[in-house]
Amino acid sequence: MAMRPATEQRVLDAAEELFFTRGIAATPVDAVLERAGVSSATLYRGYPSKEALVAAALDRRHDDWTATWDRAVARASDDRGRLLAVFDALDDHRATPTGSRWCAFLGTAAEYVDAPADVRAVLDRETDTLRRRLTETARPLVGAAAPALAEQLLLVVSGSLAMRLRDAAGATATARHEARPSRPAGTAVALTVASCMPRSCTAGRRSRWAGGRCALRSSAG
């Protein structure tokens, strides 16, 4: 017999809250059972192992995060805003009741030396989603160079999330500043975006791509 939807909701709520705040290894299944108010027999009808429950909680979290990102993109008024909406989404998602200390996906990856196949599949899905969506939102700005820019932004996003371990109150302001097109030369991501924006041309500069990197030069030389 499959688990009832309302029961499954309680189980996933409990798993997400405990696994991604206290840690997976530090949270026994019994703690999830107690928080959800279900029996072990009920739990194992839906999830045959703790790893299967972790994967299910991550999968649901991935969908919630993607929806938050969609809303942030929808609020943006131009291509630049849609590209940088990932930082708005990070702040928005952190402010939700299920927002974790830093990143549930990076935290889970850090807990497993060799993640079980079902957990690894969800972690890979989340990384693929980030890479694909950053590439899609970068393409209107930089065309064929979008994959290279997406990789740079993925690094900034990951670093911004990790910084939350150093500063629990920290937001994405620094990461957003590093990624913004108006950032002065010296930051790779800023160079990449700025070089491909129309305003960089009107400022008397031209850009060129070489081997996936952007070299920004003055029109005079």
N, C-alpha and C. Protein backbone atom coordinates (compact mmCIF):
# COMPACT_ATOMS: atom_id res chain seq x y z
N MET A 1 0.85 -1.20 0.00
CA MET A 1 0.00 0.00 0.00
C MET A 1 0.88 1.25 0.00
N ALA A 2 0.60 2.16 -0.90
CA ALA A 2 1.38 3.39 -0.98
C ALA A 2 1.04 4.31 0.19
N MET A 3 1.96 5.18 0.50
CA MET A 3 1.75 6.15 1.57
C MET A 3 0.72 7.19 1.14
N ARG A 4 -0.15 7.58 2.04
CA ARG A 4 -1.14 8.61 1.73
C ARG A 4 -0.45 9.95 1.49
N PRO A 5 -0.99 10.77 0.57
CA PRO A 5 -0.34 12.05 0.26
C PRO A 5 -0.11 12.93 1.48
N ALA A 6 -1.09 13.01 2.37
CA ALA A 6 -0.94 13.87 3.55
C ALA A 6 0.17 13.35 4.46
N THR A 7 0.25 12.02 4.57
CA THR A 7 1.29 11.41 5.39
C THR A 7 2.66 11.63 4.76
N GLU A 8 2.73 11.46 3.45
CA GLU A 8 3.99 11.68 2.75
C GLU A 8 4.46 13.12 2.90
N GLN A 9 3.51 14.05 2.86
CA GLN A 9 3.85 15.46 3.06
C GLN A 9 4.49 15.68 4.43
N ARG A 10 3.91 15.08 5.47
CA ARG A 10 4.45 15.22 6.82
C ARG A 10 5.85 14.61 6.92
N VAL A 11 6.02 13.46 6.30
CA VAL A 11 7.32 12.79 6.33
C VAL A 11 8.38 13.65 5.64
N LEU A 12 8.07 14.15 4.47
CA LEU A 12 9.04 14.96 3.73
C LEU A 12 9.31 16.29 4.44
N ASP A 13 8.28 16.87 5.05
CA ASP A 13 8.48 18.11 5.81
C ASP A 13 9.46 17.86 6.95
N ALA A 14 9.26 16.76 7.66
CA ALA A 14 10.13 16.43 8.79
C ALA A 14 11.55 16.12 8.31
N ALA A 15 11.65 15.35 7.25
CA ALA A 15 12.97 14.99 6.73
C ALA A 15 13.72 16.23 6.27
N GLU A 16 13.05 17.09 5.54
CA GLU A 16 13.71 18.30 5.03
C GLU A 16 14.16 19.20 6.16
N GLU A 17 13.31 19.38 7.15
CA GLU A 17 13.66 20.25 8.27
C GLU A 17 14.87 19.70 9.04
N LEU A 18 14.86 18.41 9.33
CA LEU A 18 15.92 17.83 10.15
C LEU A 18 17.21 17.56 9.38
N PHE A 19 17.10 16.96 8.22
CA PHE A 19 18.29 16.62 7.46
C PHE A 19 19.09 17.85 7.07
N PHE A 20 18.39 18.92 6.68
CA PHE A 20 19.08 20.07 6.10
C PHE A 20 19.34 21.19 7.10
N THR A 21 19.02 20.95 8.37
CA THR A 21 19.40 21.89 9.42
C THR A 21 20.36 21.23 10.41
N ARG A 22 20.07 19.99 10.81
CA ARG A 22 20.94 19.29 11.75
C ARG A 22 22.03 18.47 11.04
N GLY A 23 21.75 18.07 9.81
CA GLY A 23 22.67 17.22 9.08
C GLY A 23 22.09 15.82 8.91
N ILE A 24 22.45 15.17 7.83
CA ILE A 24 21.90 13.85 7.52
C ILE A 24 22.45 12.80 8.48
N ALA A 25 23.77 12.76 8.61
CA ALA A 25 24.38 11.76 9.49
C ALA A 25 23.96 11.96 10.94
N ALA A 26 23.74 13.20 11.34
CA ALA A 26 23.38 13.51 12.73
C ALA A 26 21.91 13.27 13.03
N THR A 27 21.12 12.96 12.01
CA THR A 27 19.67 12.79 12.18
C THR A 27 19.28 11.34 11.96
N PRO A 28 18.96 10.61 13.01
CA PRO A 28 18.50 9.23 12.82
C PRO A 28 17.09 9.20 12.26
N VAL A 29 16.76 8.11 11.63
CA VAL A 29 15.41 7.97 11.06
C VAL A 29 14.36 8.10 12.15
N ASP A 30 14.67 7.62 13.34
CA ASP A 30 13.70 7.72 14.45
C ASP A 30 13.30 9.17 14.72
N ALA A 31 14.24 10.10 14.54
CA ALA A 31 13.91 11.52 14.77
C ALA A 31 12.91 12.00 13.73
N VAL A 32 13.06 11.54 12.49
CA VAL A 32 12.11 11.89 11.44
C VAL A 32 10.74 11.30 11.75
N LEU A 33 10.72 10.05 12.20
CA LEU A 33 9.46 9.39 12.55
C LEU A 33 8.74 10.16 13.66
N GLU A 34 9.50 10.55 14.65
CA GLU A 34 8.90 11.28 15.78
C GLU A 34 8.35 12.63 15.33
N ARG A 35 9.13 13.35 14.53
CA ARG A 35 8.68 14.67 14.08
C ARG A 35 7.46 14.56 13.17
N ALA A 36 7.42 13.54 12.32
CA ALA A 36 6.31 13.37 11.39
C ALA A 36 5.10 12.70 12.03
N GLY A 37 5.32 12.03 13.16
CA GLY A 37 4.22 11.33 13.83
C GLY A 37 3.75 10.10 13.07
N VAL A 38 4.69 9.34 12.51
CA VAL A 38 4.33 8.13 11.77
C VAL A 38 5.16 6.96 12.29
N SER A 39 4.74 5.77 11.96
CA SER A 39 5.45 4.56 12.38
C SER A 39 6.52 4.20 11.35
N SER A 40 7.47 3.37 11.77
CA SER A 40 8.50 2.93 10.83
C SER A 40 7.91 2.13 9.68
N ALA A 41 6.86 1.37 9.97
CA ALA A 41 6.22 0.58 8.91
C ALA A 41 5.62 1.50 7.85
N THR A 42 5.03 2.61 8.30
CA THR A 42 4.45 3.58 7.35
C THR A 42 5.56 4.22 6.52
N LEU A 43 6.65 4.61 7.18
CA LEU A 43 7.74 5.25 6.47
C LEU A 43 8.32 4.34 5.39
N TYR A 44 8.57 3.09 5.76
CA TYR A 44 9.24 2.18 4.82
C TYR A 44 8.33 1.69 3.72
N ARG A 45 7.04 1.96 3.85
CA ARG A 45 6.15 1.68 2.71
C ARG A 45 6.45 2.64 1.56
N GLY A 46 6.85 3.84 1.92
CA GLY A 46 7.13 4.84 0.87
C GLY A 46 8.60 4.94 0.53
N TYR A 47 9.46 4.71 1.53
CA TYR A 47 10.90 4.89 1.33
C TYR A 47 11.64 3.72 1.96
N PRO A 48 12.22 2.87 1.15
CA PRO A 48 12.84 1.65 1.67
C PRO A 48 14.13 1.87 2.45
N SER A 49 14.70 3.08 2.39
CA SER A 49 15.95 3.35 3.10
C SER A 49 16.02 4.83 3.47
N LYS A 50 16.95 5.15 4.35
CA LYS A 50 17.18 6.54 4.71
C LYS A 50 17.65 7.32 3.49
N GLU A 51 18.48 6.71 2.66
CA GLU A 51 18.99 7.38 1.47
C GLU A 51 17.86 7.71 0.50
N ALA A 52 16.89 6.81 0.38
CA ALA A 52 15.75 7.07 -0.49
C ALA A 52 14.94 8.26 0.01
N LEU A 53 14.85 8.39 1.34
CA LEU A 53 14.14 9.53 1.92
C LEU A 53 14.91 10.82 1.69
N VAL A 54 16.23 10.77 1.84
CA VAL A 54 17.07 11.95 1.55
C VAL A 54 16.87 12.39 0.10
N ALA A 55 16.90 11.43 -0.82
CA ALA A 55 16.74 11.74 -2.24
C ALA A 55 15.38 12.37 -2.51
N ALA A 56 14.33 11.85 -1.88
CA ALA A 56 12.99 12.39 -2.08
C ALA A 56 12.88 13.82 -1.54
N ALA A 57 13.48 14.06 -0.38
CA ALA A 57 13.45 15.40 0.20
C ALA A 57 14.22 16.39 -0.68
N LEU A 58 15.35 15.95 -1.21
CA LEU A 58 16.12 16.81 -2.12
C LEU A 58 15.36 17.07 -3.41
N ASP A 59 14.70 16.05 -3.91
CA ASP A 59 13.95 16.19 -5.16
C ASP A 59 12.84 17.23 -5.01
N ARG A 60 12.12 17.16 -3.91
CA ARG A 60 11.07 18.15 -3.67
C ARG A 60 11.67 19.55 -3.49
N ARG A 61 12.80 19.60 -2.81
CA ARG A 61 13.46 20.90 -2.60
C ARG A 61 13.93 21.49 -3.92
N HIS A 62 14.40 20.64 -4.81
CA HIS A 62 14.80 21.11 -6.14
C HIS A 62 13.64 21.77 -6.86
N ASP A 63 12.47 21.16 -6.80
CA ASP A 63 11.29 21.72 -7.46
C ASP A 63 10.89 23.05 -6.83
N ASP A 64 10.96 23.14 -5.50
CA ASP A 64 10.63 24.38 -4.81
C ASP A 64 11.61 25.50 -5.18
N TRP A 65 12.90 25.14 -5.22
CA TRP A 65 13.93 26.13 -5.56
C TRP A 65 13.75 26.62 -6.99
N THR A 66 13.45 25.71 -7.91
CA THR A 66 13.25 26.10 -9.30
C THR A 66 12.07 27.05 -9.45
N ALA A 67 11.00 26.76 -8.70
CA ALA A 67 9.82 27.64 -8.74
C ALA A 67 10.16 29.03 -8.20
N THR A 68 10.97 29.08 -7.15
CA THR A 68 11.40 30.38 -6.61
C THR A 68 12.22 31.15 -7.64
N TRP A 69 13.09 30.45 -8.32
CA TRP A 69 13.91 31.07 -9.37
C TRP A 69 13.03 31.56 -10.52
N ASP A 70 12.04 30.78 -10.90
CA ASP A 70 11.11 31.19 -11.97
C ASP A 70 10.44 32.52 -11.62
N ARG A 71 10.01 32.64 -10.37
CA ARG A 71 9.33 33.88 -9.95
C ARG A 71 10.29 35.06 -9.99
N ALA A 72 11.54 34.84 -9.60
CA ALA A 72 12.53 35.92 -9.64
C ALA A 72 12.80 36.36 -11.08
N VAL A 73 12.91 35.40 -11.97
CA VAL A 73 13.13 35.72 -13.39
C VAL A 73 11.93 36.50 -13.94
N ALA A 74 10.73 36.09 -13.57
CA ALA A 74 9.52 36.75 -14.06
C ALA A 74 9.44 38.21 -13.61
N ARG A 75 10.03 38.53 -12.48
CA ARG A 75 10.01 39.90 -11.97
C ARG A 75 11.01 40.80 -12.70
N ALA A 76 12.01 40.21 -13.32
CA ALA A 76 13.06 41.00 -13.97
C ALA A 76 12.52 41.70 -15.21
N SER A 77 13.07 42.88 -15.48
CA SER A 77 12.54 43.70 -16.57
C SER A 77 13.40 43.65 -17.84
N ASP A 78 14.60 43.06 -17.75
CA ASP A 78 15.45 43.00 -18.94
C ASP A 78 16.33 41.75 -18.87
N ASP A 79 17.12 41.53 -19.93
CA ASP A 79 17.96 40.34 -20.00
C ASP A 79 18.99 40.30 -18.87
N ARG A 80 19.57 41.42 -18.57
CA ARG A 80 20.55 41.49 -17.49
C ARG A 80 19.92 41.09 -16.16
N GLY A 81 18.71 41.61 -15.91
CA GLY A 81 18.01 41.27 -14.68
C GLY A 81 17.64 39.80 -14.61
N ARG A 82 17.27 39.22 -15.75
CA ARG A 82 16.93 37.80 -15.76
C ARG A 82 18.15 36.93 -15.48
N LEU A 83 19.31 37.35 -15.96
CA LEU A 83 20.53 36.61 -15.69
C LEU A 83 20.88 36.65 -14.20
N LEU A 84 20.80 37.84 -13.61
CA LEU A 84 21.17 38.01 -12.21
C LEU A 84 20.05 37.65 -11.25
N ALA A 85 18.89 37.25 -11.76
CA ALA A 85 17.77 36.87 -10.90
C ALA A 85 18.09 35.68 -10.02
N VAL A 86 19.09 34.91 -10.38
CA VAL A 86 19.48 33.77 -9.54
C VAL A 86 19.83 34.23 -8.13
N PHE A 87 20.40 35.43 -7.99
CA PHE A 87 20.76 35.94 -6.67
C PHE A 87 19.52 36.37 -5.88
N ASP A 88 18.54 36.96 -6.58
CA ASP A 88 17.27 37.26 -5.92
C ASP A 88 16.62 35.96 -5.44
N ALA A 89 16.69 34.93 -6.27
CA ALA A 89 16.08 33.65 -5.92
C ALA A 89 16.76 33.03 -4.70
N LEU A 90 18.09 33.14 -4.62
CA LEU A 90 18.80 32.62 -3.46
C LEU A 90 18.33 33.29 -2.17
N ASP A 91 18.21 34.61 -2.21
CA ASP A 91 17.74 35.34 -1.03
C ASP A 91 16.29 35.00 -0.71
N ASP A 92 15.45 34.93 -1.75
CA ASP A 92 14.03 34.59 -1.53
C ASP A 92 13.88 33.20 -0.93
N HIS A 93 14.64 32.25 -1.46
CA HIS A 93 14.50 30.87 -0.99
C HIS A 93 15.00 30.73 0.45
N ARG A 94 16.05 31.45 0.77
CA ARG A 94 16.57 31.38 2.14
C ARG A 94 15.55 31.92 3.14
N ALA A 95 14.72 32.86 2.72
CA ALA A 95 13.75 33.48 3.62
C ALA A 95 12.51 32.62 3.85
N THR A 96 12.37 31.52 3.11
CA THR A 96 11.21 30.65 3.29
C THR A 96 11.36 29.81 4.55
N PRO A 97 10.27 29.25 5.06
CA PRO A 97 10.36 28.41 6.27
C PRO A 97 11.29 27.22 6.11
N THR A 98 11.49 26.76 4.89
CA THR A 98 12.35 25.59 4.67
C THR A 98 13.77 25.98 4.26
N GLY A 99 14.08 27.27 4.32
CA GLY A 99 15.42 27.70 3.96
C GLY A 99 16.45 27.07 4.88
N SER A 100 17.53 26.54 4.32
CA SER A 100 18.53 25.84 5.12
C SER A 100 19.66 26.78 5.51
N ARG A 101 20.59 26.27 6.32
CA ARG A 101 21.71 27.08 6.81
C ARG A 101 22.54 27.62 5.67
N TRP A 102 22.77 26.79 4.65
CA TRP A 102 23.50 27.29 3.48
C TRP A 102 22.93 26.69 2.22
N CYS A 103 23.25 25.46 1.87
CA CYS A 103 22.69 24.84 0.66
C CYS A 103 22.49 23.36 0.94
N ALA A 104 21.26 22.91 0.83
CA ALA A 104 20.96 21.51 1.11
C ALA A 104 21.70 20.58 0.16
N PHE A 105 21.89 21.00 -1.07
CA PHE A 105 22.53 20.15 -2.07
C PHE A 105 24.04 20.06 -1.85
N LEU A 106 24.68 21.19 -1.63
CA LEU A 106 26.11 21.17 -1.33
C LEU A 106 26.37 20.48 0.01
N GLY A 107 25.50 20.72 0.97
CA GLY A 107 25.65 20.08 2.27
C GLY A 107 25.53 18.57 2.17
N THR A 108 24.58 18.11 1.38
CA THR A 108 24.42 16.67 1.19
C THR A 108 25.63 16.09 0.48
N ALA A 109 26.11 16.75 -0.55
CA ALA A 109 27.29 16.27 -1.28
C ALA A 109 28.49 16.18 -0.35
N ALA A 110 28.59 17.11 0.59
CA ALA A 110 29.73 17.11 1.51
C ALA A 110 29.65 15.96 2.52
N GLU A 111 28.45 15.47 2.79
CA GLU A 111 28.29 14.41 3.78
C GLU A 111 28.62 13.03 3.25
N TYR A 112 28.61 12.87 1.93
CA TYR A 112 28.86 11.56 1.34
C TYR A 112 30.18 11.56 0.56
N VAL A 113 31.08 10.65 0.93
CA VAL A 113 32.28 10.46 0.13
C VAL A 113 31.90 9.88 -1.22
N ASP A 114 30.98 8.93 -1.19
CA ASP A 114 30.47 8.31 -2.41
C ASP A 114 28.95 8.20 -2.26
N ALA A 115 28.23 9.18 -2.75
CA ALA A 115 26.79 9.24 -2.53
C ALA A 115 26.08 8.06 -3.17
N PRO A 116 25.05 7.51 -2.51
CA PRO A 116 24.23 6.46 -3.12
C PRO A 116 23.65 6.93 -4.44
N ALA A 117 23.35 5.99 -5.32
CA ALA A 117 22.93 6.33 -6.68
C ALA A 117 21.72 7.26 -6.71
N ASP A 118 20.71 7.01 -5.86
CA ASP A 118 19.51 7.84 -5.91
C ASP A 118 19.79 9.25 -5.40
N VAL A 119 20.67 9.39 -4.42
CA VAL A 119 21.04 10.72 -3.93
C VAL A 119 21.91 11.43 -4.97
N ARG A 120 22.87 10.70 -5.53
CA ARG A 120 23.74 11.27 -6.56
C ARG A 120 22.93 11.78 -7.75
N ALA A 121 21.90 11.06 -8.11
CA ALA A 121 21.08 11.46 -9.26
C ALA A 121 20.41 12.81 -9.02
N VAL A 122 19.92 13.05 -7.80
CA VAL A 122 19.26 14.32 -7.51
C VAL A 122 20.29 15.44 -7.44
N LEU A 123 21.45 15.17 -6.85
CA LEU A 123 22.50 16.19 -6.80
C LEU A 123 22.93 16.59 -8.21
N ASP A 124 23.08 15.61 -9.08
CA ASP A 124 23.45 15.91 -10.47
C ASP A 124 22.35 16.69 -11.19
N ARG A 125 21.11 16.34 -10.89
CA ARG A 125 19.99 17.04 -11.51
C ARG A 125 20.01 18.52 -11.13
N GLU A 126 20.28 18.80 -9.86
CA GLU A 126 20.29 20.18 -9.41
C GLU A 126 21.43 20.96 -10.06
N THR A 127 22.61 20.34 -10.16
CA THR A 127 23.73 21.00 -10.82
C THR A 127 23.43 21.24 -12.29
N ASP A 128 22.85 20.26 -12.93
CA ASP A 128 22.48 20.41 -14.34
C ASP A 128 21.46 21.53 -14.53
N THR A 129 20.51 21.64 -13.59
CA THR A 129 19.51 22.70 -13.67
C THR A 129 20.17 24.06 -13.58
N LEU A 130 21.07 24.24 -12.63
CA LEU A 130 21.78 25.50 -12.49
C LEU A 130 22.55 25.84 -13.76
N ARG A 131 23.30 24.87 -14.24
CA ARG A 131 24.13 25.12 -15.43
C ARG A 131 23.26 25.45 -16.65
N ARG A 132 22.20 24.69 -16.84
CA ARG A 132 21.34 24.89 -18.01
C ARG A 132 20.63 26.23 -17.95
N ARG A 133 20.06 26.57 -16.79
CA ARG A 133 19.29 27.81 -16.69
C ARG A 133 20.19 29.04 -16.75
N LEU A 134 21.37 28.97 -16.16
CA LEU A 134 22.30 30.08 -16.28
C LEU A 134 22.74 30.27 -17.73
N THR A 135 22.93 29.17 -18.43
CA THR A 135 23.29 29.26 -19.85
C THR A 135 22.16 29.88 -20.65
N GLU A 136 20.94 29.47 -20.38
CA GLU A 136 19.79 29.99 -21.12
C GLU A 136 19.62 31.49 -20.89
N THR A 137 19.78 31.94 -19.65
CA THR A 137 19.58 33.37 -19.37
C THR A 137 20.79 34.20 -19.81
N ALA A 138 21.94 33.57 -19.97
CA ALA A 138 23.12 34.29 -20.44
C ALA A 138 23.12 34.45 -21.95
N ARG A 139 22.46 33.55 -22.66
CA ARG A 139 22.55 33.53 -24.12
C ARG A 139 22.09 34.84 -24.77
N PRO A 140 21.01 35.49 -24.33
CA PRO A 140 20.63 36.76 -24.96
C PRO A 140 21.69 37.84 -24.83
N LEU A 141 22.56 37.71 -23.83
CA LEU A 141 23.59 38.72 -23.61
C LEU A 141 24.90 38.40 -24.31
N VAL A 142 25.28 37.11 -24.32
CA VAL A 142 26.62 36.79 -24.81
C VAL A 142 26.62 35.75 -25.93
N GLY A 143 25.46 35.31 -26.38
CA GLY A 143 25.38 34.40 -27.50
C GLY A 143 26.09 33.08 -27.26
N ALA A 144 26.99 32.72 -28.16
CA ALA A 144 27.66 31.42 -28.10
C ALA A 144 28.56 31.28 -26.88
N ALA A 145 28.90 32.37 -26.25
CA ALA A 145 29.76 32.33 -25.06
C ALA A 145 28.97 32.03 -23.79
N ALA A 146 27.67 31.80 -23.90
CA ALA A 146 26.83 31.58 -22.72
C ALA A 146 27.31 30.45 -21.83
N PRO A 147 27.73 29.30 -22.37
CA PRO A 147 28.19 28.22 -21.47
C PRO A 147 29.39 28.63 -20.61
N ALA A 148 30.31 29.41 -21.18
CA ALA A 148 31.48 29.86 -20.42
C ALA A 148 31.05 30.81 -19.30
N LEU A 149 30.15 31.73 -19.60
CA LEU A 149 29.66 32.64 -18.59
C LEU A 149 28.88 31.89 -17.51
N ALA A 150 28.10 30.90 -17.91
CA ALA A 150 27.33 30.11 -16.95
C ALA A 150 28.26 29.42 -15.95
N GLU A 151 29.39 28.90 -16.43
CA GLU A 151 30.34 28.24 -15.53
C GLU A 151 30.91 29.23 -14.53
N GLN A 152 31.19 30.45 -14.97
CA GLN A 152 31.71 31.46 -14.05
C GLN A 152 30.65 31.86 -13.02
N LEU A 153 29.43 32.02 -13.47
CA LEU A 153 28.36 32.37 -12.54
C LEU A 153 28.07 31.24 -11.57
N LEU A 154 28.17 30.00 -12.04
CA LEU A 154 27.97 28.85 -11.15
C LEU A 154 29.00 28.86 -10.03
N LEU A 155 30.21 29.25 -10.35
CA LEU A 155 31.25 29.37 -9.33
C LEU A 155 30.90 30.46 -8.32
N VAL A 156 30.42 31.60 -8.80
CA VAL A 156 30.04 32.70 -7.91
C VAL A 156 28.86 32.28 -7.02
N VAL A 157 27.87 31.64 -7.60
CA VAL A 157 26.70 31.18 -6.84
C VAL A 157 27.14 30.20 -5.74
N SER A 158 27.98 29.24 -6.10
CA SER A 158 28.43 28.25 -5.13
C SER A 158 29.24 28.90 -4.01
N GLY A 159 30.09 29.84 -4.38
CA GLY A 159 30.86 30.55 -3.38
C GLY A 159 30.00 31.38 -2.45
N SER A 160 28.96 32.01 -3.01
CA SER A 160 28.05 32.80 -2.19
C SER A 160 27.33 31.92 -1.17
N LEU A 161 26.92 30.73 -1.60
CA LEU A 161 26.27 29.81 -0.67
C LEU A 161 27.23 29.35 0.42
N ALA A 162 28.47 29.04 0.05
CA ALA A 162 29.44 28.59 1.04
C ALA A 162 29.78 29.69 2.04
N MET A 163 29.73 30.94 1.62
CA MET A 163 30.03 32.05 2.52
C MET A 163 29.03 32.14 3.67
N ARG A 164 27.87 31.53 3.51
CA ARG A 164 26.89 31.55 4.59
C ARG A 164 27.38 30.77 5.80
N LEU A 165 28.33 29.86 5.60
CA LEU A 165 28.91 29.14 6.73
C LEU A 165 29.83 30.03 7.54
N ARG A 166 30.42 31.01 6.89
CA ARG A 166 31.30 31.96 7.57
C ARG A 166 30.50 33.10 8.21
N ASP A 167 29.44 33.51 7.53
CA ASP A 167 28.63 34.64 8.00
C ASP A 167 27.17 34.25 7.86
N ALA A 168 26.58 33.79 8.96
CA ALA A 168 25.21 33.28 8.91
C ALA A 168 24.21 34.34 8.47
N ALA A 169 24.55 35.61 8.69
CA ALA A 169 23.63 36.69 8.32
C ALA A 169 23.91 37.22 6.92
N GLY A 170 24.93 36.70 6.28
CA GLY A 170 25.32 37.21 4.97
C GLY A 170 24.28 36.92 3.90
N ALA A 171 24.12 37.87 2.98
CA ALA A 171 23.20 37.69 1.85
C ALA A 171 24.04 37.60 0.58
N THR A 172 23.40 37.84 -0.55
CA THR A 172 24.09 37.68 -1.83
C THR A 172 24.64 39.00 -2.37
N ALA A 173 24.71 40.03 -1.54
CA ALA A 173 25.11 41.35 -2.03
C ALA A 173 26.49 41.33 -2.67
N THR A 174 27.45 40.67 -2.02
CA THR A 174 28.81 40.64 -2.58
C THR A 174 28.85 39.86 -3.89
N ALA A 175 28.19 38.71 -3.91
CA ALA A 175 28.17 37.90 -5.14
C ALA A 175 27.49 38.65 -6.27
N ARG A 176 26.40 39.32 -5.95
CA ARG A 176 25.68 40.10 -6.97
C ARG A 176 26.58 41.22 -7.49
N HIS A 177 27.32 41.85 -6.58
CA HIS A 177 28.21 42.95 -6.98
C HIS A 177 29.31 42.44 -7.90
N GLU A 178 29.85 41.26 -7.58
CA GLU A 178 30.91 40.69 -8.41
C GLU A 178 30.40 40.33 -9.81
N ALA A 179 29.14 39.95 -9.91
CA ALA A 179 28.60 39.47 -11.18
C ALA A 179 27.97 40.57 -12.02
N ARG A 180 27.78 41.76 -11.44
CA ARG A 180 27.05 42.78 -12.20
C ARG A 180 27.83 43.33 -13.36
N PRO A 181 27.14 43.64 -14.47
CA PRO A 181 27.81 44.17 -15.65
C PRO A 181 28.56 45.46 -15.42
N SER A 182 28.15 46.26 -14.42
CA SER A 182 28.81 47.54 -14.21
C SER A 182 30.06 47.42 -13.35
N ARG A 183 30.37 46.20 -12.92
CA ARG A 183 31.57 45.97 -12.10
C ARG A 183 32.82 46.34 -12.89
N PRO A 184 33.77 47.09 -12.27
CA PRO A 184 35.00 47.46 -12.98
C PRO A 184 35.81 46.23 -13.36
N ALA A 185 36.69 46.40 -14.33
CA ALA A 185 37.55 45.30 -14.76
C ALA A 185 38.34 44.77 -13.58
N GLY A 186 38.56 43.45 -13.57
CA GLY A 186 39.29 42.83 -12.48
C GLY A 186 38.55 41.61 -11.98
N THR A 187 37.27 41.50 -12.29
CA THR A 187 36.50 40.33 -11.94
C THR A 187 36.10 39.64 -13.23
N ALA A 188 36.39 38.35 -13.31
CA ALA A 188 36.17 37.62 -14.56
C ALA A 188 34.72 37.66 -15.00
N VAL A 189 33.81 37.43 -14.05
CA VAL A 189 32.40 37.41 -14.42
C VAL A 189 31.95 38.78 -14.86
N ALA A 190 32.39 39.82 -14.14
CA ALA A 190 32.00 41.18 -14.53
C ALA A 190 32.53 41.53 -15.91
N LEU A 191 33.77 41.15 -16.18
CA LEU A 191 34.32 41.39 -17.50
C LEU A 191 33.50 40.70 -18.57
N THR A 192 33.13 39.46 -18.28
CA THR A 192 32.40 38.67 -19.25
C THR A 192 31.07 39.31 -19.60
N VAL A 193 30.31 39.69 -18.57
CA VAL A 193 28.99 40.26 -18.82
C VAL A 193 29.12 41.66 -19.41
N ALA A 194 30.00 42.48 -18.80
CA ALA A 194 30.10 43.86 -19.24
C ALA A 194 30.55 43.97 -20.68
N SER A 195 31.42 43.06 -21.09
CA SER A 195 31.96 43.15 -22.44
C SER A 195 30.92 42.88 -23.51
N CYS A 196 29.84 42.24 -23.11
CA CYS A 196 28.84 41.85 -24.10
C CYS A 196 27.56 42.67 -23.98
N MET A 197 27.59 43.68 -23.12
CA MET A 197 26.43 44.55 -22.98
C MET A 197 26.58 45.75 -23.90
N PRO A 198 25.48 46.25 -24.45
CA PRO A 198 25.55 47.42 -25.34
C PRO A 198 26.25 48.61 -24.71
N ARG A 199 26.07 48.80 -23.39
CA ARG A 199 26.66 49.97 -22.76
C ARG A 199 28.18 49.94 -22.84
N SER A 200 28.79 48.75 -22.89
CA SER A 200 30.24 48.68 -22.97
C SER A 200 30.74 49.23 -24.30
N CYS A 201 29.92 49.09 -25.32
CA CYS A 201 30.31 49.63 -26.62
C CYS A 201 30.21 51.15 -26.63
N THR A 202 29.16 51.68 -26.01
CA THR A 202 28.98 53.13 -26.00
C THR A 202 30.00 53.80 -25.11
N ALA A 203 30.67 53.03 -24.24
CA ALA A 203 31.70 53.60 -23.38
C ALA A 203 33.05 53.63 -24.07
N GLY A 204 33.07 53.30 -25.35
CA GLY A 204 34.32 53.38 -26.11
C GLY A 204 35.16 52.15 -25.97
N ARG A 205 34.51 50.96 -25.71
CA ARG A 205 35.26 49.74 -25.57
C ARG A 205 34.68 48.70 -26.49
N ARG A 206 35.52 47.77 -26.90
CA ARG A 206 35.04 46.66 -27.70
C ARG A 206 35.51 45.37 -27.04
N SER A 207 34.77 44.30 -27.26
CA SER A 207 35.12 43.05 -26.62
C SER A 207 35.34 41.97 -27.66
N ARG A 208 36.11 40.97 -27.27
CA ARG A 208 36.27 39.82 -28.14
C ARG A 208 36.40 38.58 -27.26
N TRP A 209 35.95 37.45 -27.80
CA TRP A 209 36.03 36.18 -27.08
C TRP A 209 37.17 35.36 -27.66
N ALA A 210 37.97 34.76 -26.79
CA ALA A 210 39.06 33.90 -27.22
C ALA A 210 39.17 32.73 -26.27
N GLY A 211 38.91 31.54 -26.79
CA GLY A 211 39.04 30.34 -25.97
C GLY A 211 38.12 30.33 -24.78
N GLY A 212 36.93 30.92 -24.91
CA GLY A 212 35.97 30.92 -23.81
C GLY A 212 36.17 32.05 -22.84
N ARG A 213 37.22 32.89 -23.01
CA ARG A 213 37.43 34.02 -22.13
C ARG A 213 37.21 35.32 -22.89
N CYS A 214 36.90 36.33 -22.14
CA CYS A 214 36.64 37.62 -22.77
C CYS A 214 37.78 38.57 -22.48
N ALA A 215 38.34 39.16 -23.52
CA ALA A 215 39.38 40.18 -23.35
C ALA A 215 38.76 41.53 -23.69
N LEU A 216 38.80 42.44 -22.72
CA LEU A 216 38.15 43.73 -22.90
C LEU A 216 39.23 44.77 -23.19
N ARG A 217 39.13 45.41 -24.33
CA ARG A 217 40.14 46.37 -24.74
C ARG A 217 39.50 47.70 -25.10
N SER A 218 40.28 48.74 -24.98
CA SER A 218 39.76 50.05 -25.38
C SER A 218 39.76 50.14 -26.90
N SER A 219 38.86 50.93 -27.42
CA SER A 219 38.77 51.07 -28.87
C SER A 219 39.99 51.79 -29.43
N ALA A 220 40.74 52.42 -28.56
CA ALA A 220 41.92 53.13 -29.02
C ALA A 220 43.13 52.21 -29.15
N GLY A 221 43.06 51.00 -28.60
CA GLY A 221 44.26 50.26 -28.68
C GLY A 221 44.19 48.80 -28.58
